[in-house]
Amino acid sequence: RAAACRLTPPLKIKFEYDDEQSAREAVRTLSKQPQTIVVLLAFVNDLPGIFNEADALGLLSGSHAWIGSRSFSPASVNALVDAGRISNTTRDKLEGMLQAGHAPNTESFGLFKQSFARLSPEECEAHSSRD
């Protein structure tokens, strides 16, 4: 569907579990790509490497949209702050992403679902022909 909508196809960047250097390298690879929507599937142990590197590279300052998995929560990120593994400043930049994953509401989900339902190739063609 991405090609029919004239979108850059998704890119999968992998890293080793519980390996901070591998996670940091994955973020550096991400920073060099044209994609700006990040769907992050990670465990709590991986978050310091990912988010510290992303913050250092400016990827948490509005250039990228981050959608996080539900395997981590505001409480687990706060625990990483308390342990000195993520700074308060970095945590504050994550607040919006974490809120979206842990405080969904029916209205937001409905709008999200509707927007994805429109991404058929036919709909994309119809929208692009109006441009």
Foldseek 3Di string as FASTA:
>chain_A
DCVLLVHDDDDDFDFDALDLVRLLVSLVVVLPDPAQEAEDDHALSRVLSNQVSCVVSVSLVPSHHYAYDPNDALVSVVVCCVVVSDPPVSSVSCVVNRCCHPPPDPVVVVVVVVVVVQPDSVSSVVVVVVD
